[in-house]
């Protein structure tokens, strides 16, 4: 998918993204996954996963519903 984003710029940026994905898969690069799920339907099942309660302000900013798509 990364190589299809922008035909003119695909080589350099796509290769950077694919390289980063390979490093993540190899354990050479760490990532943080943040799930904002006001309905409580999602889970990361791992001994390394952490969770916390949202503040009232954070919860007020979340969109609710079965599926929410945001276009930026």
PDB file of N, CA and C in Angstrom:
ATOM      1  N   UNK A   1       0.824  -1.192   0.000  1.00  0.00           N
ATOM      2  CA  UNK A   1       0.000   0.000   0.000  1.00  0.00           C
ATOM      3  C   UNK A   1       0.872   1.261   0.000  1.00  0.00           C
ATOM      4  N   UNK A   2       1.964   1.213   0.748  1.00  0.00           N
ATOM      5  CA  UNK A   2       2.831   2.392   0.838  1.00  0.00           C
ATOM      6  C   UNK A   2       3.375   2.792  -0.521  1.00  0.00           C
ATOM      7  N   UNK A   3       3.600   1.848  -1.386  1.00  0.00           N
ATOM      8  CA  UNK A   3       4.177   2.173  -2.691  1.00  0.00           C
ATOM      9  C   UNK A   3       3.131   2.707  -3.665  1.00  0.00           C
ATOM     10  N   UNK A   4       1.872   2.714  -3.289  1.00  0.00           N
ATOM     11  CA  UNK A   4       0.811   3.205  -4.177  1.00  0.00           C
ATOM     12  C   UNK A   4       0.356   4.618  -3.832  1.00  0.00           C
ATOM     13  N   UNK A   5       0.825   5.189  -2.745  1.00  0.00           N
ATOM     14  CA  UNK A   5       0.328   6.487  -2.279  1.00  0.00           C
ATOM     15  C   UNK A   5       0.560   7.606  -3.256  1.00  0.00           C
ATOM     16  N   UNK A   6       1.755   7.767  -3.724  1.00  0.00           N
ATOM     17  CA  UNK A   6       2.094   8.896  -4.567  1.00  0.00           C
ATOM     18  C   UNK A   6       3.104   8.424  -5.594  1.00  0.00           C
ATOM     19  N   UNK A   7       2.680   8.315  -6.820  1.00  0.00           N
ATOM     20  CA  UNK A   7       3.536   7.766  -7.874  1.00  0.00           C
ATOM     21  C   UNK A   7       4.868   8.501  -7.992  1.00  0.00           C
ATOM     22  N   UNK A   8       4.860   9.829  -7.927  1.00  0.00           N
ATOM     23  CA  UNK A   8       6.090  10.592  -8.118  1.00  0.00           C
ATOM     24  C   UNK A   8       7.066  10.432  -6.960  1.00  0.00           C
ATOM     25  N   UNK A   9       6.546  10.331  -5.749  1.00  0.00           N
ATOM     26  CA  UNK A   9       7.404  10.306  -4.571  1.00  0.00           C
ATOM     27  C   UNK A   9       7.485   8.910  -3.962  1.00  0.00           C
ATOM     28  N   UNK A  10       6.923   7.923  -4.640  1.00  0.00           N
ATOM     29  CA  UNK A  10       6.763   6.616  -4.014  1.00  0.00           C
ATOM     30  C   UNK A  10       8.077   5.936  -3.665  1.00  0.00           C
ATOM     31  N   UNK A  11       9.069   6.058  -4.480  1.00  0.00           N
ATOM     32  CA  UNK A  11      10.290   5.303  -4.253  1.00  0.00           C
ATOM     33  C   UNK A  11      10.939   5.638  -2.928  1.00  0.00           C
ATOM     34  N   UNK A  12      11.255   6.897  -2.688  1.00  0.00           N
ATOM     35  CA  UNK A  12      11.967   7.268  -1.469  1.00  0.00           C
ATOM     36  C   UNK A  12      11.105   7.086  -0.225  1.00  0.00           C
ATOM     37  N   UNK A  13       9.925   7.692  -0.183  1.00  0.00           N
ATOM     38  CA  UNK A  13       9.090   7.641   1.020  1.00  0.00           C
ATOM     39  C   UNK A  13       8.582   6.224   1.287  1.00  0.00           C
ATOM     40  N   UNK A  14       8.157   5.531   0.247  1.00  0.00           N
ATOM     41  CA  UNK A  14       7.659   4.170   0.429  1.00  0.00           C
ATOM     42  C   UNK A  14       8.760   3.260   0.953  1.00  0.00           C
ATOM     43  N   UNK A  15       9.956   3.408   0.446  1.00  0.00           N
ATOM     44  CA  UNK A  15      11.062   2.583   0.919  1.00  0.00           C
ATOM     45  C   UNK A  15      11.390   2.895   2.380  1.00  0.00           C
ATOM     46  N   UNK A  16      11.274   4.172   2.767  1.00  0.00           N
ATOM     47  CA  UNK A  16      11.481   4.537   4.175  1.00  0.00           C
ATOM     48  C   UNK A  16      10.436   3.860   5.056  1.00  0.00           C
ATOM     49  N   UNK A  17       9.172   3.917   4.636  1.00  0.00           N
ATOM     50  CA  UNK A  17       8.095   3.293   5.416  1.00  0.00           C
ATOM     51  C   UNK A  17       8.255   1.781   5.489  1.00  0.00           C
ATOM     52  N   UNK A  18       8.556   1.168   4.363  1.00  0.00           N
ATOM     53  CA  UNK A  18       8.731  -0.281   4.352  1.00  0.00           C
ATOM     54  C   UNK A  18       9.943  -0.692   5.181  1.00  0.00           C
ATOM     55  N   UNK A  19      11.012   0.111   5.145  1.00  0.00           N
ATOM     56  CA  UNK A  19      12.180  -0.165   5.978  1.00  0.00           C
ATOM     57  C   UNK A  19      11.844  -0.084   7.455  1.00  0.00           C
ATOM     58  N   UNK A  20      11.050   0.923   7.824  1.00  0.00           N
ATOM     59  CA  UNK A  20      10.637   1.062   9.221  1.00  0.00           C
ATOM     60  C   UNK A  20       9.780  -0.122   9.657  1.00  0.00           C
ATOM     61  N   UNK A  21       8.884  -0.565   8.791  1.00  0.00           N
ATOM     62  CA  UNK A  21       8.032  -1.729   9.114  1.00  0.00           C
ATOM     63  C   UNK A  21       8.893  -2.970   9.323  1.00  0.00           C
ATOM     64  N   UNK A  22       9.881  -3.162   8.485  1.00  0.00           N
ATOM     65  CA  UNK A  22      10.770  -4.319   8.637  1.00  0.00           C
ATOM     66  C   UNK A  22      11.546  -4.245   9.953  1.00  0.00           C
ATOM     67  N   UNK A  23      12.016  -3.045  10.335  1.00  0.00           N
ATOM     68  CA  UNK A  23      12.721  -2.888  11.608  1.00  0.00           C
ATOM     69  C   UNK A  23      11.797  -3.177  12.786  1.00  0.00           C
ATOM     70  N   UNK A  24      10.552  -2.756  12.691  1.00  0.00           N
ATOM     71  CA  UNK A  24       9.578  -3.035  13.754  1.00  0.00           C
ATOM     72  C   UNK A  24       9.363  -4.538  13.870  1.00  0.00           C
ATOM     73  N   UNK A  25       9.174  -5.197  12.732  1.00  0.00           N
ATOM     74  CA  UNK A  25       8.963  -6.642  12.742  1.00  0.00           C
ATOM     75  C   UNK A  25      10.161  -7.392  13.310  1.00  0.00           C
ATOM     76  N   UNK A  26      11.365  -6.874  13.079  1.00  0.00           N
ATOM     77  CA  UNK A  26      12.591  -7.517  13.556  1.00  0.00           C
ATOM     78  C   UNK A  26      12.911  -7.154  15.010  1.00  0.00           C
ATOM     79  N   UNK A  27      12.110  -6.270  15.600  1.00  0.00           N
ATOM     80  CA  UNK A  27      12.352  -5.868  16.974  1.00  0.00           C
ATOM     81  C   UNK A  27      13.447  -4.820  17.120  1.00  0.00           C
ATOM     82  N   UNK A  28      13.843  -4.202  16.019  1.00  0.00           N
ATOM     83  CA  UNK A  28      14.902  -3.195  16.049  1.00  0.00           C
ATOM     84  C   UNK A  28      14.366  -1.787  16.270  1.00  0.00           C
ATOM     85  N   UNK A  29      13.075  -1.600  16.141  1.00  0.00           N
ATOM     86  CA  UNK A  29      12.436  -0.295  16.294  1.00  0.00           C
ATOM     87  C   UNK A  29      11.149  -0.506  17.071  1.00  0.00           C
ATOM     88  N   UNK A  30      10.951   0.290  18.103  1.00  0.00           N
ATOM     89  CA  UNK A  30       9.743   0.161  18.913  1.00  0.00           C
ATOM     90  C   UNK A  30       8.656   1.104  18.443  1.00  0.00           C
ATOM     91  N   UNK A  31       7.420   0.748  18.730  1.00  0.00           N
ATOM     92  CA  UNK A  31       6.281   1.604  18.421  1.00  0.00           C
ATOM     93  C   UNK A  31       5.345   1.628  19.622  1.00  0.00           C
ATOM     94  N   UNK A  32       4.501   2.604  19.653  1.00  0.00           N
ATOM     95  CA  UNK A  32       3.449   2.693  20.658  1.00  0.00           C
ATOM     96  C   UNK A  32       2.112   2.679  19.931  1.00  0.00           C
ATOM     97  N   UNK A  33       1.210   1.802  20.335  1.00  0.00           N
ATOM     98  CA  UNK A  33      -0.129   1.727  19.755  1.00  0.00           C
ATOM     99  C   UNK A  33      -1.090   2.319  20.774  1.00  0.00           C
ATOM    100  N   UNK A  34      -1.863   3.313  20.356  1.00  0.00           N
ATOM    101  CA  UNK A  34      -2.858   3.931  21.225  1.00  0.00           C
ATOM    102  C   UNK A  34      -4.227   3.635  20.641  1.00  0.00           C
ATOM    103  N   UNK A  35      -5.068   2.977  21.435  1.00  0.00           N
ATOM    104  CA  UNK A  35      -6.426   2.677  21.002  1.00  0.00           C
ATOM    105  C   UNK A  35      -7.368   3.547  21.817  1.00  0.00           C
ATOM    106  N   UNK A  36      -8.111   4.385  21.119  1.00  0.00           N
ATOM    107  CA  UNK A  36      -9.146   5.181  21.764  1.00  0.00           C
ATOM    108  C   UNK A  36     -10.467   4.499  21.445  1.00  0.00           C
ATOM    109  N   UNK A  37     -11.059   3.860  22.426  1.00  0.00           N
ATOM    110  CA  UNK A  37     -12.233   3.026  22.190  1.00  0.00           C
ATOM    111  C   UNK A  37     -13.291   3.284  23.256  1.00  0.00           C
ATOM    112  N   UNK A  38     -14.119   4.309  23.075  1.00  0.00           N
ATOM    113  CA  UNK A  38     -15.114   4.638  24.101  1.00  0.00           C
ATOM    114  C   UNK A  38     -16.166   3.549  24.300  1.00  0.00           C
ATOM    115  N   UNK A  39     -16.348   2.675  23.303  1.00  0.00           N
ATOM    116  CA  UNK A  39     -17.339   1.601  23.432  1.00  0.00           C
ATOM    117  C   UNK A  39     -16.751   0.368  24.103  1.00  0.00           C
ATOM    118  N   UNK A  40     -15.432   0.301  24.242  1.00  0.00           N
ATOM    119  CA  UNK A  40     -14.790  -0.808  24.930  1.00  0.00           C
ATOM    120  C   UNK A  40     -14.748  -2.097  24.146  1.00  0.00           C
ATOM    121  N   UNK A  41     -14.692  -2.020  22.816  1.00  0.00           N
ATOM    122  CA  UNK A  41     -14.711  -3.223  21.983  1.00  0.00           C
ATOM    123  C   UNK A  41     -13.333  -3.695  21.540  1.00  0.00           C
ATOM    124  N   UNK A  42     -12.272  -2.978  21.895  1.00  0.00           N
ATOM    125  CA  UNK A  42     -10.934  -3.317  21.409  1.00  0.00           C
ATOM    126  C   UNK A  42     -10.049  -3.815  22.539  1.00  0.00           C
ATOM    127  N   UNK A  43      -9.020  -4.575  22.151  1.00  0.00           N
ATOM    128  CA  UNK A  43      -8.073  -5.063  23.147  1.00  0.00           C
ATOM    129  C   UNK A  43      -6.747  -5.387  22.485  1.00  0.00           C
ATOM    130  N   UNK A  44      -5.677  -5.133  23.210  1.00  0.00           N
ATOM    131  CA  UNK A  44      -4.353  -5.607  22.839  1.00  0.00           C
ATOM    132  C   UNK A  44      -4.026  -6.663  23.888  1.00  0.00           C
ATOM    133  N   UNK A  45      -3.848  -7.887  23.482  1.00  0.00           N
ATOM    134  CA  UNK A  45      -3.597  -8.960  24.428  1.00  0.00           C
ATOM    135  C   UNK A  45      -2.098  -9.220  24.458  1.00  0.00           C
ATOM    136  N   UNK A  46      -1.461  -8.706  25.484  1.00  0.00           N
ATOM    137  CA  UNK A  46      -0.020  -8.841  25.633  1.00  0.00           C
ATOM    138  C   UNK A  46       0.340  -8.544  27.079  1.00  0.00           C
ATOM    139  N   UNK A  47       1.364  -9.210  27.573  1.00  0.00           N
ATOM    140  CA  UNK A  47       1.839  -8.925  28.925  1.00  0.00           C
ATOM    141  C   UNK A  47       2.439  -7.524  29.003  1.00  0.00           C
ATOM    142  N   UNK A  48       2.848  -6.971  27.852  1.00  0.00           N
ATOM    143  CA  UNK A  48       3.450  -5.644  27.821  1.00  0.00           C
ATOM    144  C   UNK A  48       2.422  -4.523  27.685  1.00  0.00           C
ATOM    145  N   UNK A  49       1.172  -4.867  27.398  1.00  0.00           N
ATOM    146  CA  UNK A  49       0.143  -3.849  27.191  1.00  0.00           C
ATOM    147  C   UNK A  49      -0.208  -3.169  28.507  1.00  0.00           C
ATOM    148  N   UNK A  50      -0.490  -1.879  28.421  1.00  0.00           N
ATOM    149  CA  UNK A  50      -0.939  -1.124  29.587  1.00  0.00           C
ATOM    150  C   UNK A  50      -2.257  -0.446  29.248  1.00  0.00           C
ATOM    151  N   UNK A  51      -2.991  -0.084  30.267  1.00  0.00           N
ATOM    152  CA  UNK A  51      -4.239   0.643  30.056  1.00  0.00           C
ATOM    153  C   UNK A  51      -4.384   1.693  31.140  1.00  0.00           C
ATOM    154  N   UNK A  52      -5.227   2.676  30.860  1.00  0.00           N
ATOM    155  CA  UNK A  52      -5.514   3.702  31.852  1.00  0.00           C
ATOM    156  C   UNK A  52      -6.882   4.294  31.559  1.00  0.00           C
ATOM    157  N   UNK A  53      -7.486   4.861  32.564  1.00  0.00           N
ATOM    158  CA  UNK A  53      -8.761   5.547  32.403  1.00  0.00           C
ATOM    159  C   UNK A  53      -8.526   6.871  31.680  1.00  0.00           C
ATOM    160  N   UNK A  54      -9.451   7.232  30.801  1.00  0.00           N
ATOM    161  CA  UNK A  54      -9.380   8.530  30.154  1.00  0.00           C
ATOM    162  C   UNK A  54      -9.870   9.612  31.101  1.00  0.00           C
ATOM    163  N   UNK A  55      -9.320  10.800  30.933  1.00  0.00           N
ATOM    164  CA  UNK A  55      -9.860  11.934  31.697  1.00  0.00           C
ATOM    165  C   UNK A  55     -11.198  12.316  31.081  1.00  0.00           C
ATOM    166  N   UNK A  56     -11.970  13.104  31.792  1.00  0.00           N
ATOM    167  CA  UNK A  56     -13.257  13.573  31.263  1.00  0.00           C
ATOM    168  C   UNK A  56     -13.048  14.355  29.969  1.00  0.00           C
ATOM    169  N   UNK A  57     -11.982  15.144  29.917  1.00  0.00           N
ATOM    170  CA  UNK A  57     -11.695  15.946  28.728  1.00  0.00           C
ATOM    171  C   UNK A  57     -11.357  15.047  27.533  1.00  0.00           C
ATOM    172  N   UNK A  58     -10.546  14.001  27.772  1.00  0.00           N
ATOM    173  CA  UNK A  58     -10.193  13.078  26.696  1.00  0.00           C
ATOM    174  C   UNK A  58     -11.431  12.337  26.199  1.00  0.00           C
ATOM    175  N   UNK A  59     -12.249  11.875  27.111  1.00  0.00           N
ATOM    176  CA  UNK A  59     -13.452  11.132  26.743  1.00  0.00           C
ATOM    177  C   UNK A  59     -14.421  12.006  25.951  1.00  0.00           C
ATOM    178  N   UNK A  60     -14.511  13.273  26.298  1.00  0.00           N
ATOM    179  CA  UNK A  60     -15.418  14.187  25.599  1.00  0.00           C
ATOM    180  C   UNK A  60     -15.006  14.403  24.143  1.00  0.00           C
ATOM    181  N   UNK A  61     -13.739  14.222  23.827  1.00  0.00           N
ATOM    182  CA  UNK A  61     -13.236  14.429  22.460  1.00  0.00           C
ATOM    183  C   UNK A  61     -13.439  13.222  21.553  1.00  0.00           C
ATOM    184  N   UNK A  62     -13.764  12.070  22.113  1.00  0.00           N
ATOM    185  CA  UNK A  62     -13.911  10.848  21.319  1.00  0.00           C
ATOM    186  C   UNK A  62     -15.240  10.830  20.590  1.00  0.00           C
ATOM    187  N   UNK A  63     -15.209  10.298  19.379  1.00  0.00           N
ATOM    188  CA  UNK A  63     -16.446  10.075  18.637  1.00  0.00           C
ATOM    189  C   UNK A  63     -16.922   8.677  18.974  1.00  0.00           C
ATOM    190  N   UNK A  64     -18.208   8.488  19.054  1.00  0.00           N
ATOM    191  CA  UNK A  64     -18.732   7.169  19.410  1.00  0.00           C
ATOM    192  C   UNK A  64     -19.550   6.598  18.258  1.00  0.00           C
ATOM    193  N   UNK A  65     -19.735   5.304  18.306  1.00  0.00           N
ATOM    194  CA  UNK A  65     -20.472   4.589  17.293  1.00  0.00           C
ATOM    195  C   UNK A  65     -19.770   3.283  16.998  1.00  0.00           C
ATOM    196  N   UNK A  66     -20.392   2.451  16.188  1.00  0.00           N
ATOM    197  CA  UNK A  66     -19.795   1.165  15.887  1.00  0.00           C
ATOM    198  C   UNK A  66     -18.494   1.330  15.088  1.00  0.00           C
ATOM    199  N   UNK A  67     -18.511   2.196  14.065  1.00  0.00           N
ATOM    200  CA  UNK A  67     -17.329   2.432  13.253  1.00  0.00           C
ATOM    201  C   UNK A  67     -17.237   3.925  12.980  1.00  0.00           C
ATOM    202  N   UNK A  68     -16.083   4.484  13.198  1.00  0.00           N
ATOM    203  CA  UNK A  68     -15.867   5.898  12.908  1.00  0.00           C
ATOM    204  C   UNK A  68     -14.674   6.005  11.977  1.00  0.00           C
ATOM    205  N   UNK A  69     -14.884   6.629  10.819  1.00  0.00           N
ATOM    206  CA  UNK A  69     -13.814   6.876   9.872  1.00  0.00           C
ATOM    207  C   UNK A  69     -13.535   8.364   9.866  1.00  0.00           C
ATOM    208  N   UNK A  70     -12.276   8.741   9.940  1.00  0.00           N
ATOM    209  CA  UNK A  70     -11.903  10.143   9.886  1.00  0.00           C
ATOM    210  C   UNK A  70     -11.021  10.364   8.677  1.00  0.00           C
ATOM    211  N   UNK A  71     -11.351  11.386   7.891  1.00  0.00           N
ATOM    212  CA  UNK A  71     -10.529  11.735   6.736  1.00  0.00           C
ATOM    213  C   UNK A  71      -9.761  12.996   7.069  1.00  0.00           C
ATOM    214  N   UNK A  72      -8.446  12.932   6.944  1.00  0.00           N
ATOM    215  CA  UNK A  72      -7.620  14.098   7.244  1.00  0.00           C
ATOM    216  C   UNK A  72      -7.041  14.665   5.984  1.00  0.00           C
TER     217      UNK A  72
END
